[in-house]
Amino acid sequence: MAGRGRAKMIGVNVKVRDGLWAVGALLLALVTLVAPLGRPVHWWLIVASAVWAAALVPISARWPRWAIVLTAPLNAVNNLLAIAPTSLVIFRAARSVRTQVQVWLLIGVTALLQAGFSGLHAWHAGDNITEYVLGTGFSVVFLLIFPAVAGALVGRRKPLTRVLMERNDYLEHARVLTASTARSDTRAHIASEMHDMLSHRLRQLTAHASALERSAAVEAPELREQVELIRKTSAVAMDELREILGVLGNIEADEDAGTRADVERLVAASVSAGVSVSLDWSGSDLTDADARLRRAVHRVVREALTNVHKHAPSALTRVAVDVGERVRVEVVNGPSSAPRGAGTRRGLIGLEERVGLIGGSFTAGPFTGGFRLTADLPLHPVVYAGSFRAPEEDEGAPRAAGSRVVEAPPPVTAEILTVPRVVGGGCLALLSVVPALGTVFVLLIVAIFSKPEMSRQEFDAFQVSVAHEEEVTETFGFGVPSDNTGCLRYHARDSSDLDFELCFDKQSRLTSKKELAR
């Protein structure tokens, strides 16, 4: 659900960004209505070219190859502010083209179409061959080839980067799994040696103790209690060995250890031994929980109750297990009237190590005259064997009790920007953006600072069949849009309600001039 929500949010942001780009292209192209850059054309052609340029933005997202080709017809209209931003559309569309053959095929087709539409415009406007070649060459090189090649390089780099990241992720997880296998083999070997050697000796000791207990009952009754203690101690040692083997190699693990039924049995055993113990279990049972978590719960409760038996047998004791996002085990006993027994704290140290191995935290200490033992355990323990150590951590060093377990880092995806990628992508984008932005900037400067007006003396100085169009445009610009094709219209500098119109033929010679009321 979170992934779909994030994808939906990204989609909304992309649509908003495309909408802003489209509006910006539309408004920029419409500037030609009030400040024509070149021979004025009909207003409806300017509006049509502006709408066309704006429509290319969403088209480039859905049909990128068509968007590149569809930039060509704009060259048939004298609206440079609609042509210049199309380089950004070409850059974006070319990112979706995966092969060099397709890129150059699209560039070739689009270049031919641009040359054809530019030729149509040059023929209609009466431009000479030099102006046509220079204009077409600039448009093809700087507004087509540069952005298309840059966009194609960026687009090809993205899947290659994703493959590199996937390989890096695979190698990282392979390293983690190799370390996990090595540690698992080591623990299995240790467990096997302990099982073959220690368990055999303990079973022999238990058998001899049982035989000695039977003999002492007949021949030396006064030694019966000591012999019974030896037998029970050896049996307890055997049980603890089985539990250690279960931690090391999952050998002979109790299926219901740490469940609610198991904890209730531990509490009932303490009650039958004369200790006042109550159980408070909240949350679901741990029947289907991880075996390491259940063993930790069992060991914490058992060790805590053992300490109560030894040090505070007459105290009121409460065992609380809270199962939620984490499992919290708490054993609290009140003050005891019985003398406190001596202890080595080895049991508590063992609990702290056991809890730390699965990523939990452990605390134990005096509490309001009594003693409190608390273990906070993860519901899904980390795998210590496959955990990732920091590079500075020594693999051969023993793990400190209570130290934090660090999981393997998440894979670096291709969407994460790094400094080299930003610099590389920025250089390629700059290669395509600078010509477009430079063209737009120059055109806007010309449009803003050109003055489409002349005085009457300057108007009278132009003679029909003698004056040339370049003489007029070099000094006064292309004027304001005129209703007549091939005519330039200028405001009268000395009159607010008068305009001058100069009309030229296809050879750019002045054919007529007249005064027009606004």
Protein backbone atom coordinates (compact mmCIF):
# COMPACT_ATOMS: atom_id res chain seq x y z
CA MET A 1 0.00 0.00 0.00
CA ALA A 2 2.81 2.41 0.89
CA GLY A 3 4.54 1.69 -2.43
CA ARG A 4 1.36 2.33 -4.43
CA GLY A 5 0.75 5.55 -2.51
CA ARG A 6 4.27 6.76 -3.19
CA ALA A 7 3.96 5.88 -6.89
CA LYS A 8 0.65 7.76 -7.07
CA MET A 9 2.20 10.82 -5.43
CA ILE A 10 5.10 10.74 -7.91
CA GLY A 11 2.60 10.51 -10.78
CA VAL A 12 0.71 13.56 -9.49
CA ASN A 13 3.94 15.54 -9.16
CA VAL A 14 4.94 14.65 -12.72
CA LYS A 15 1.56 15.79 -14.06
CA VAL A 16 1.79 19.08 -12.18
CA ARG A 17 5.32 19.65 -13.48
CA ASP A 18 4.24 18.88 -17.05
CA GLY A 19 1.32 21.26 -16.69
CA LEU A 20 3.61 24.08 -15.56
CA TRP A 21 6.00 23.42 -18.44
CA ALA A 22 3.14 23.45 -20.94
CA VAL A 23 1.77 26.73 -19.59
CA GLY A 24 5.25 28.27 -19.65
CA ALA A 25 5.79 27.23 -23.28
CA LEU A 26 2.37 28.61 -24.24
CA LEU A 27 2.93 32.00 -22.60
CA LEU A 28 6.45 32.31 -24.00
CA ALA A 29 5.26 31.61 -27.55
CA LEU A 30 2.43 34.14 -27.21
CA VAL A 31 4.96 36.94 -26.56
CA THR A 32 5.35 37.13 -30.35
CA LEU A 33 1.86 38.64 -30.55
CA VAL A 34 3.10 41.86 -28.98
CA ALA A 35 6.79 41.68 -29.93
CA PRO A 36 7.33 39.89 -33.26
CA LEU A 37 10.86 38.62 -33.85
CA GLY A 38 11.03 38.67 -37.62
CA ARG A 39 8.54 39.40 -40.34
CA PRO A 40 5.09 39.70 -38.71
CA VAL A 41 2.60 36.90 -39.40
CA HIS A 42 -1.08 36.44 -38.79
CA TRP A 43 -2.07 36.30 -35.14
CA TRP A 44 -3.88 33.01 -35.52
CA LEU A 45 -0.67 31.36 -36.75
CA ILE A 46 1.14 32.60 -33.63
CA VAL A 47 -1.61 31.25 -31.37
CA ALA A 48 -1.66 27.94 -33.22
CA SER A 49 2.13 27.54 -32.92
CA ALA A 50 1.95 28.40 -29.20
CA VAL A 51 -0.73 25.76 -28.59
CA TRP A 52 1.28 23.25 -30.65
CA ALA A 53 4.44 23.89 -28.62
CA ALA A 54 2.52 23.53 -25.33
CA ALA A 55 0.87 20.28 -26.49
CA LEU A 56 4.28 18.73 -27.17
CA VAL A 57 5.01 18.62 -23.41
CA PRO A 58 2.37 15.97 -22.51
CA ILE A 59 2.94 14.21 -25.85
CA SER A 60 6.64 13.77 -24.98
CA ALA A 61 5.65 11.88 -21.82
CA ARG A 62 3.30 9.43 -23.55
CA TRP A 63 4.58 9.24 -27.15
CA PRO A 64 8.19 10.44 -26.96
CA ARG A 65 9.21 9.40 -30.49
CA TRP A 66 6.25 11.21 -32.05
CA ALA A 67 7.03 14.29 -29.94
CA ILE A 68 10.47 14.58 -31.55
CA VAL A 69 9.06 14.39 -35.07
CA LEU A 70 6.18 16.76 -34.30
CA THR A 71 8.56 19.60 -33.45
CA ALA A 72 9.33 20.04 -37.16
CA PRO A 73 6.09 21.80 -38.29
CA LEU A 74 6.85 24.73 -35.97
CA ASN A 75 9.63 25.74 -38.36
CA ALA A 76 7.02 26.72 -40.95
CA VAL A 77 5.79 29.58 -38.73
CA ASN A 78 7.82 32.64 -37.92
CA ASN A 79 7.54 32.21 -34.15
CA LEU A 80 11.02 31.64 -32.79
CA LEU A 81 9.80 31.73 -29.18
CA ALA A 82 7.74 28.62 -29.92
CA ILE A 83 10.63 26.79 -31.64
CA ALA A 84 13.36 27.37 -29.03
CA PRO A 85 11.69 25.57 -26.05
CA THR A 86 11.15 22.44 -28.16
CA SER A 87 14.78 21.47 -27.45
CA LEU A 88 13.71 20.65 -23.89
CA VAL A 89 10.90 18.48 -25.26
CA ILE A 90 13.40 16.70 -27.53
CA PHE A 91 15.79 16.15 -24.61
CA ARG A 92 13.05 14.63 -22.49
CA ALA A 93 11.66 12.47 -25.28
CA ALA A 94 15.09 11.16 -26.32
CA ARG A 95 15.63 9.78 -22.80
CA SER A 96 13.07 7.08 -23.62
CA VAL A 97 14.88 5.96 -26.79
CA ARG A 98 17.08 2.98 -25.94
CA THR A 99 19.13 2.36 -29.12
CA GLN A 100 21.47 4.57 -31.11
CA VAL A 101 19.84 3.47 -34.37
CA GLN A 102 16.46 4.82 -33.28
CA VAL A 103 18.02 8.06 -32.04
CA TRP A 104 19.79 8.84 -35.30
CA LEU A 105 16.82 7.69 -37.36
CA LEU A 106 14.57 10.12 -35.47
CA ILE A 107 17.16 12.89 -35.81
CA GLY A 108 17.45 12.28 -39.54
CA VAL A 109 13.69 12.23 -40.18
CA THR A 110 13.10 15.29 -38.01
CA ALA A 111 15.99 17.19 -39.63
CA LEU A 112 14.57 16.53 -43.11
CA LEU A 113 11.12 17.66 -42.01
CA GLN A 114 12.58 20.78 -40.39
CA ALA A 115 14.46 21.60 -43.59
CA GLY A 116 11.26 21.17 -45.59
CA PHE A 117 9.12 23.33 -43.32
CA SER A 118 11.90 25.95 -43.04
CA GLY A 119 12.11 26.02 -46.84
CA LEU A 120 8.36 26.60 -47.04
CA HIS A 121 8.68 29.50 -44.62
CA ALA A 122 11.69 30.95 -46.43
CA TRP A 123 9.87 30.79 -49.78
CA HIS A 124 6.81 32.50 -48.35
CA ALA A 125 8.87 35.18 -46.58
CA GLY A 126 11.20 35.75 -49.52
CA ASP A 127 14.44 34.85 -47.67
CA ASN A 128 17.56 34.20 -49.71
CA ILE A 129 19.40 30.87 -49.77
CA THR A 130 22.03 32.02 -47.27
CA GLU A 131 19.47 33.00 -44.66
CA TYR A 132 17.64 29.71 -45.19
CA VAL A 133 20.79 27.55 -44.80
CA LEU A 134 22.03 29.41 -41.72
CA GLY A 135 18.66 29.32 -39.99
CA THR A 136 18.04 25.66 -40.76
CA GLY A 137 21.58 24.68 -39.74
CA PHE A 138 21.29 26.44 -36.38
CA SER A 139 17.91 24.87 -35.68
CA VAL A 140 19.05 21.34 -36.61
CA VAL A 141 22.39 21.43 -34.76
CA PHE A 142 21.57 23.33 -31.58
CA LEU A 143 17.85 22.72 -31.15
CA LEU A 144 17.67 19.12 -32.42
CA ILE A 145 20.95 17.17 -32.45
CA PHE A 146 22.40 18.47 -29.16
CA PRO A 147 19.32 17.86 -26.99
CA ALA A 148 18.50 14.53 -28.69
CA VAL A 149 22.00 13.09 -28.18
CA ALA A 150 22.23 14.38 -24.61
CA GLY A 151 18.81 12.96 -23.73
CA ALA A 152 19.64 9.60 -25.31
CA LEU A 153 22.87 9.34 -23.29
CA VAL A 154 21.04 10.11 -20.05
CA GLY A 155 18.32 7.59 -20.92
CA ARG A 156 20.83 4.82 -21.72
CA ARG A 157 22.76 5.47 -18.51
CA LYS A 158 19.74 4.92 -16.26
CA PRO A 159 19.21 1.18 -17.00
CA LEU A 160 22.97 0.60 -16.88
CA THR A 161 23.09 2.25 -13.47
CA ARG A 162 20.17 0.12 -12.29
CA VAL A 163 21.97 -3.05 -13.42
CA LEU A 164 25.11 -1.93 -11.59
CA MET A 165 23.13 -1.29 -8.41
CA GLU A 166 21.42 -4.68 -8.67
CA ARG A 167 24.78 -6.40 -9.05
CA ASN A 168 26.13 -4.49 -6.08
CA ASP A 169 23.10 -5.50 -4.04
CA TYR A 170 23.55 -9.14 -5.10
CA LEU A 171 27.24 -9.14 -4.13
CA GLU A 172 26.47 -7.51 -0.77
CA HIS A 173 23.84 -10.09 0.08
CA ALA A 174 26.11 -12.89 -1.16
CA ARG A 175 28.82 -11.66 1.20
CA VAL A 176 26.34 -11.52 4.09
CA LEU A 177 25.05 -15.01 3.31
CA THR A 178 28.59 -16.37 3.06
CA ALA A 179 29.43 -14.95 6.47
CA SER A 180 26.15 -16.36 7.82
CA THR A 181 26.95 -19.82 6.46
CA ALA A 182 30.44 -19.73 7.94
CA ARG A 183 29.15 -18.76 11.39
CA SER A 184 26.36 -21.32 11.21
CA ASP A 185 28.87 -24.05 10.31
CA THR A 186 31.09 -23.02 13.22
CA ARG A 187 28.21 -23.08 15.70
CA ALA A 188 27.01 -26.41 14.33
CA HIS A 189 30.48 -27.87 14.75
CA ILE A 190 30.71 -26.60 18.35
CA ALA A 191 27.22 -27.97 19.08
CA SER A 192 28.15 -31.33 17.60
CA GLU A 193 31.31 -31.57 19.70
CA MET A 194 29.47 -30.60 22.88
CA HIS A 195 26.69 -33.04 22.13
CA ASP A 196 29.06 -35.92 21.43
CA MET A 197 31.36 -35.30 24.39
CA LEU A 198 29.63 -33.40 27.22
CA SER A 199 26.19 -34.97 26.84
CA HIS A 200 27.72 -38.44 26.92
CA ARG A 201 29.65 -37.65 30.09
CA LEU A 202 26.64 -36.07 31.75
CA ARG A 203 24.45 -39.05 30.92
CA GLN A 204 27.08 -41.31 32.48
CA LEU A 205 27.21 -39.07 35.54
CA THR A 206 23.41 -39.14 35.86
CA ALA A 207 23.33 -42.93 35.54
CA HIS A 208 26.07 -43.40 38.15
CA ALA A 209 24.35 -40.92 40.47
CA SER A 210 21.07 -42.84 40.18
CA ALA A 211 22.84 -46.13 40.97
CA LEU A 212 24.70 -44.53 43.84
CA GLU A 213 21.40 -43.13 45.20
CA ARG A 214 19.87 -46.59 45.27
CA SER A 215 22.91 -48.10 46.97
CA ALA A 216 23.10 -45.28 49.52
CA ALA A 217 19.46 -45.76 50.43
CA VAL A 218 20.31 -49.26 51.62
CA GLU A 219 23.92 -49.08 52.79
CA ALA A 220 24.38 -45.42 53.86
CA PRO A 221 21.06 -43.65 54.46
CA GLU A 222 22.86 -40.66 55.96
CA LEU A 223 24.34 -39.87 52.48
CA ARG A 224 21.07 -40.16 50.63
CA GLU A 225 20.37 -36.41 50.45
CA GLN A 226 23.86 -35.59 49.15
CA VAL A 227 23.65 -38.30 46.52
CA GLU A 228 20.16 -37.13 45.50
CA LEU A 229 21.52 -33.60 45.10
CA ILE A 230 24.26 -34.91 42.80
CA ARG A 231 21.70 -36.73 40.66
CA LYS A 232 19.41 -33.69 40.40
CA THR A 233 22.31 -31.37 39.62
CA SER A 234 23.50 -33.63 36.83
CA ALA A 235 19.95 -33.77 35.42
CA VAL A 236 19.70 -29.97 35.51
CA ALA A 237 23.10 -29.70 33.81
CA MET A 238 21.87 -32.04 31.09
CA ASP A 239 18.78 -29.87 30.51
CA GLU A 240 20.88 -26.73 30.32
CA LEU A 241 23.23 -28.39 27.87
CA ARG A 242 20.26 -29.25 25.64
CA GLU A 243 19.15 -25.60 25.74
CA ILE A 244 22.65 -24.37 24.83
CA LEU A 245 22.75 -26.81 21.95
CA GLY A 246 19.38 -25.48 20.83
CA VAL A 247 20.82 -21.93 20.71
CA LEU A 248 23.89 -23.04 18.78
CA GLY A 249 22.39 -25.48 16.36
CA ASN A 250 18.63 -25.72 16.94
CA ILE A 251 19.10 -29.15 18.44
CA GLU A 252 16.40 -30.62 20.68
CA ALA A 253 14.49 -27.34 21.06
CA ASP A 254 11.22 -27.54 22.95
CA GLU A 255 8.32 -26.80 20.64
CA ASP A 256 6.27 -24.91 23.24
CA ALA A 257 9.12 -23.10 25.04
CA GLY A 258 8.15 -19.50 25.77
CA THR A 259 4.47 -19.91 24.95
CA ARG A 260 1.77 -18.92 27.40
CA ALA A 261 1.25 -22.56 28.43
CA ASP A 262 5.00 -22.93 29.08
CA VAL A 263 5.17 -19.78 31.21
CA GLU A 264 2.08 -20.90 33.15
CA ARG A 265 3.83 -24.21 33.92
CA LEU A 266 6.88 -22.33 35.21
CA VAL A 267 4.67 -20.18 37.43
CA ALA A 268 2.71 -23.21 38.65
CA ALA A 269 5.95 -25.01 39.51
CA SER A 270 7.06 -22.05 41.62
CA VAL A 271 3.69 -21.86 43.35
CA SER A 272 3.88 -25.57 44.18
CA ALA A 273 7.32 -24.91 45.67
CA GLY A 274 5.83 -22.37 48.09
CA VAL A 275 6.50 -19.07 46.26
CA SER A 276 3.64 -16.62 45.81
CA VAL A 277 3.70 -15.89 42.05
CA SER A 278 1.05 -14.43 39.75
CA LEU A 279 1.04 -14.23 35.96
CA ASP A 280 -0.22 -11.28 33.91
CA TRP A 281 -0.17 -12.09 30.17
CA SER A 282 -1.46 -9.48 27.70
CA GLY A 283 -1.54 -9.79 23.95
CA SER A 284 -1.50 -12.81 21.67
CA ASP A 285 0.21 -16.10 22.38
CA LEU A 286 3.71 -16.81 21.07
CA THR A 287 2.88 -20.23 19.63
CA ASP A 288 3.84 -19.18 16.07
CA ALA A 289 6.65 -16.83 17.10
CA ASP A 290 10.32 -17.27 16.26
CA ALA A 291 11.90 -20.14 18.22
CA ARG A 292 14.75 -17.89 19.40
CA LEU A 293 12.26 -15.40 20.83
CA ARG A 294 10.33 -18.14 22.64
CA ARG A 295 13.50 -19.62 24.12
CA ALA A 296 14.54 -16.17 25.33
CA VAL A 297 11.16 -15.65 27.02
CA HIS A 298 11.36 -19.07 28.65
CA ARG A 299 14.90 -18.49 29.87
CA VAL A 300 14.17 -15.01 31.26
CA VAL A 301 11.12 -16.19 33.23
CA ARG A 302 12.85 -19.34 34.48
CA GLU A 303 16.03 -17.55 35.57
CA ALA A 304 14.03 -14.79 37.27
CA LEU A 305 11.91 -17.31 39.21
CA THR A 306 15.05 -19.26 40.13
CA ASN A 307 16.51 -16.08 41.61
CA VAL A 308 13.29 -15.52 43.55
CA HIS A 309 13.55 -19.07 44.97
CA LYS A 310 17.15 -18.44 46.02
CA HIS A 311 17.04 -14.86 47.27
CA ALA A 312 13.42 -13.93 48.11
CA PRO A 313 11.31 -17.07 48.60
CA SER A 314 8.77 -15.32 50.85
CA ALA A 315 8.24 -12.25 48.57
CA LEU A 316 5.18 -11.57 46.46
CA THR A 317 6.19 -11.96 42.82
CA ARG A 318 4.52 -10.90 39.59
CA VAL A 319 5.38 -12.17 36.12
CA ALA A 320 4.14 -9.87 33.31
CA VAL A 321 4.38 -10.66 29.58
CA ASP A 322 3.17 -8.01 27.14
CA VAL A 323 3.03 -9.06 23.47
CA GLY A 324 2.67 -6.23 20.93
CA GLU A 325 5.02 -4.86 18.32
CA ARG A 326 7.69 -6.02 20.76
CA VAL A 327 7.61 -8.54 23.60
CA ARG A 328 8.23 -7.15 27.07
CA VAL A 329 8.89 -9.59 29.92
CA GLU A 330 8.98 -8.26 33.47
CA VAL A 331 9.43 -10.18 36.74
CA VAL A 332 9.11 -8.11 39.92
CA ASN A 333 9.31 -9.34 43.49
CA GLY A 334 8.67 -7.37 46.63
CA PRO A 335 10.67 -7.31 49.86
CA SER A 336 11.38 -10.68 51.48
CA SER A 337 11.62 -11.52 55.19
CA ALA A 338 13.92 -14.48 54.50
CA PRO A 339 17.69 -13.90 54.53
CA ARG A 340 19.02 -13.06 51.11
CA GLY A 341 21.27 -15.71 49.61
CA ALA A 342 24.60 -14.99 47.99
CA GLY A 343 24.82 -14.88 44.21
CA THR A 344 27.44 -14.59 41.46
CA ARG A 345 25.22 -12.75 38.90
CA ARG A 346 26.35 -15.25 36.26
CA GLY A 347 22.74 -16.06 35.48
CA LEU A 348 21.92 -12.40 34.84
CA ILE A 349 25.00 -12.00 32.65
CA GLY A 350 23.91 -15.03 30.64
CA LEU A 351 20.42 -13.55 30.21
CA GLU A 352 21.84 -10.24 29.05
CA GLU A 353 23.96 -12.01 26.44
CA ARG A 354 21.04 -14.15 25.28
CA VAL A 355 18.72 -11.14 24.93
CA GLY A 356 21.41 -9.11 23.16
CA LEU A 357 21.98 -11.88 20.62
CA ILE A 358 18.48 -11.42 19.18
CA GLY A 359 18.55 -7.61 19.28
CA GLY A 360 16.76 -7.02 22.61
CA SER A 361 17.60 -5.03 25.73
CA PHE A 362 17.89 -6.28 29.32
CA THR A 363 17.88 -4.55 32.70
CA ALA A 364 17.94 -5.93 36.24
CA GLY A 365 18.28 -4.24 39.60
CA PRO A 366 16.71 -3.33 42.96
CA PHE A 367 13.17 -1.96 42.91
CA THR A 368 11.25 -0.53 45.93
CA GLY A 369 12.86 -2.90 48.39
CA GLY A 370 12.64 -5.85 46.04
CA PHE A 371 14.08 -6.71 42.65
CA ARG A 372 12.94 -6.16 39.06
CA LEU A 373 14.11 -7.94 35.94
CA THR A 374 13.01 -6.62 32.50
CA ALA A 375 13.66 -7.87 28.98
CA ASP A 376 12.50 -5.99 25.89
CA LEU A 377 12.58 -8.38 22.91
CA PRO A 378 11.88 -7.87 19.18
CA LEU A 379 8.90 -9.81 17.87
CA HIS A 380 10.99 -10.70 14.82
CA PRO A 381 14.57 -11.17 16.05
CA VAL A 382 17.47 -10.22 13.83
CA VAL A 383 19.66 -12.98 12.55
CA TYR A 384 22.98 -12.53 14.28
CA ALA A 385 24.63 -15.08 12.02
CA GLY A 386 23.67 -13.04 8.98
CA SER A 387 23.92 -9.64 10.52
CA PHE A 388 26.10 -7.03 8.94
CA ARG A 389 29.07 -5.76 10.87
CA ALA A 390 30.47 -2.35 10.28
CA PRO A 391 33.78 -2.37 8.38
CA GLU A 392 35.70 -1.26 11.43
CA GLU A 393 34.28 -4.11 13.55
CA ASP A 394 36.64 -7.06 13.90
CA GLU A 395 35.07 -10.27 12.62
CA GLY A 396 37.11 -12.36 15.00
CA ALA A 397 36.40 -10.29 18.10
CA PRO A 398 33.90 -11.66 20.62
CA ARG A 399 30.55 -9.93 20.74
CA ALA A 400 30.08 -7.73 23.78
CA ALA A 401 27.07 -8.35 25.91
CA GLY A 402 24.18 -6.08 25.12
CA SER A 403 25.84 -4.65 21.97
CA ARG A 404 23.57 -3.62 19.16
CA VAL A 405 22.92 -5.93 16.23
CA VAL A 406 23.16 -4.10 12.91
CA GLU A 407 21.24 -5.56 9.98
CA ALA A 408 22.49 -5.56 6.43
CA PRO A 409 22.10 -2.12 4.85
CA PRO A 410 19.30 -1.64 2.32
CA PRO A 411 20.32 -1.84 -1.34
CA VAL A 412 21.18 1.38 -3.12
CA THR A 413 18.66 1.81 -5.93
CA ALA A 414 19.19 3.53 -9.24
CA GLU A 415 16.86 6.34 -8.15
CA ILE A 416 19.29 7.53 -5.47
CA LEU A 417 21.30 10.42 -6.89
CA THR A 418 25.00 10.51 -6.15
CA VAL A 419 27.37 13.41 -6.73
CA PRO A 420 28.95 11.87 -9.88
CA ARG A 421 25.50 11.20 -11.33
CA VAL A 422 24.35 14.77 -10.62
CA VAL A 423 27.49 16.23 -12.19
CA GLY A 424 27.31 13.92 -15.22
CA GLY A 425 23.60 14.46 -15.76
CA GLY A 426 24.06 18.20 -15.28
CA CYS A 427 26.75 18.41 -17.97
CA LEU A 428 24.62 16.54 -20.49
CA ALA A 429 21.55 18.59 -19.68
CA LEU A 430 23.63 21.77 -19.92
CA LEU A 431 24.77 20.72 -23.38
CA SER A 432 21.18 20.72 -24.58
CA VAL A 433 19.69 23.49 -22.45
CA VAL A 434 22.25 26.24 -23.05
CA PRO A 435 21.49 26.68 -26.79
CA ALA A 436 17.75 26.75 -26.12
CA LEU A 437 17.96 29.10 -23.15
CA GLY A 438 20.51 31.27 -24.95
CA THR A 439 18.26 31.57 -27.96
CA VAL A 440 15.24 32.42 -25.85
CA PHE A 441 17.23 34.98 -23.86
CA VAL A 442 18.54 36.75 -26.96
CA LEU A 443 15.11 36.78 -28.57
CA LEU A 444 13.50 38.23 -25.47
CA ILE A 445 16.17 40.92 -25.20
CA VAL A 446 15.59 41.86 -28.82
CA ALA A 447 11.83 41.88 -28.32
CA ILE A 448 12.02 44.00 -25.18
CA PHE A 449 14.50 46.62 -26.38
CA SER A 450 13.42 46.92 -30.02
CA LYS A 451 11.39 50.03 -30.77
CA PRO A 452 8.71 49.48 -33.45
CA GLU A 453 8.27 53.20 -34.13
CA MET A 454 9.63 55.91 -36.45
CA SER A 455 9.19 59.62 -36.96
CA ARG A 456 7.49 61.20 -39.98
CA GLN A 457 10.79 62.45 -41.34
CA GLU A 458 12.19 58.90 -41.22
CA PHE A 459 9.04 57.55 -42.89
CA ASP A 460 9.20 60.14 -45.67
CA ALA A 461 12.86 59.31 -46.30
CA PHE A 462 12.05 55.81 -47.59
CA GLN A 463 11.41 55.87 -51.36
CA VAL A 464 9.28 53.32 -53.22
CA SER A 465 11.26 50.91 -55.45
CA VAL A 466 14.48 52.20 -53.88
CA ALA A 467 14.39 51.36 -50.16
CA HIS A 468 15.20 47.80 -49.13
CA GLU A 469 13.57 45.83 -46.34
CA GLU A 470 16.90 45.28 -44.56
CA GLU A 471 17.43 49.05 -44.32
CA VAL A 472 14.17 49.31 -42.38
CA THR A 473 14.47 46.26 -40.14
CA GLU A 474 18.09 46.92 -39.14
CA THR A 475 17.09 50.28 -37.70
CA PHE A 476 13.50 49.90 -36.61
CA GLY A 477 13.01 46.17 -36.25
CA PHE A 478 10.06 44.28 -37.72
CA GLY A 479 7.43 46.54 -36.25
CA VAL A 480 4.07 45.33 -35.00
CA PRO A 481 1.82 42.73 -36.68
CA SER A 482 0.11 44.01 -39.80
CA ASP A 483 -3.08 42.78 -41.45
CA ASN A 484 -1.39 42.70 -44.87
CA THR A 485 1.09 39.97 -45.76
CA GLY A 486 4.58 41.30 -46.62
CA CYS A 487 3.97 44.59 -44.82
CA LEU A 488 5.66 46.09 -41.76
CA ARG A 489 3.77 48.43 -39.48
CA TYR A 490 5.31 51.00 -37.11
CA HIS A 491 3.92 53.46 -34.60
CA ALA A 492 4.32 57.15 -35.35
CA ARG A 493 6.73 58.56 -32.78
CA ASP A 494 5.18 62.01 -32.74
CA SER A 495 1.51 60.92 -32.86
CA SER A 496 -0.39 58.52 -30.61
CA ASP A 497 -3.17 57.79 -33.15
CA LEU A 498 -1.13 57.24 -36.30
CA ASP A 499 0.79 54.25 -37.76
CA PHE A 500 3.06 53.89 -40.81
CA GLU A 501 2.87 50.81 -43.04
CA LEU A 502 5.63 49.78 -45.43
CA CYS A 503 5.02 46.92 -47.89
CA PHE A 504 7.72 44.94 -49.75
CA ASP A 505 7.76 42.48 -52.61
CA LYS A 506 9.51 39.09 -52.75
CA GLN A 507 12.79 40.83 -53.68
CA SER A 508 12.47 42.83 -50.45
CA ARG A 509 12.00 46.14 -52.31
CA LEU A 510 9.60 48.77 -51.02
CA THR A 511 6.43 48.67 -53.13
CA SER A 512 4.14 51.01 -51.20
CA LYS A 513 3.86 53.01 -48.02
CA LYS A 514 0.92 54.65 -46.34
CA GLU A 515 -0.38 56.19 -43.15
CA LEU A 516 -2.99 54.31 -41.07
CA ALA A 517 -5.15 55.49 -38.23
CA ARG A 518 -5.09 53.33 -35.12
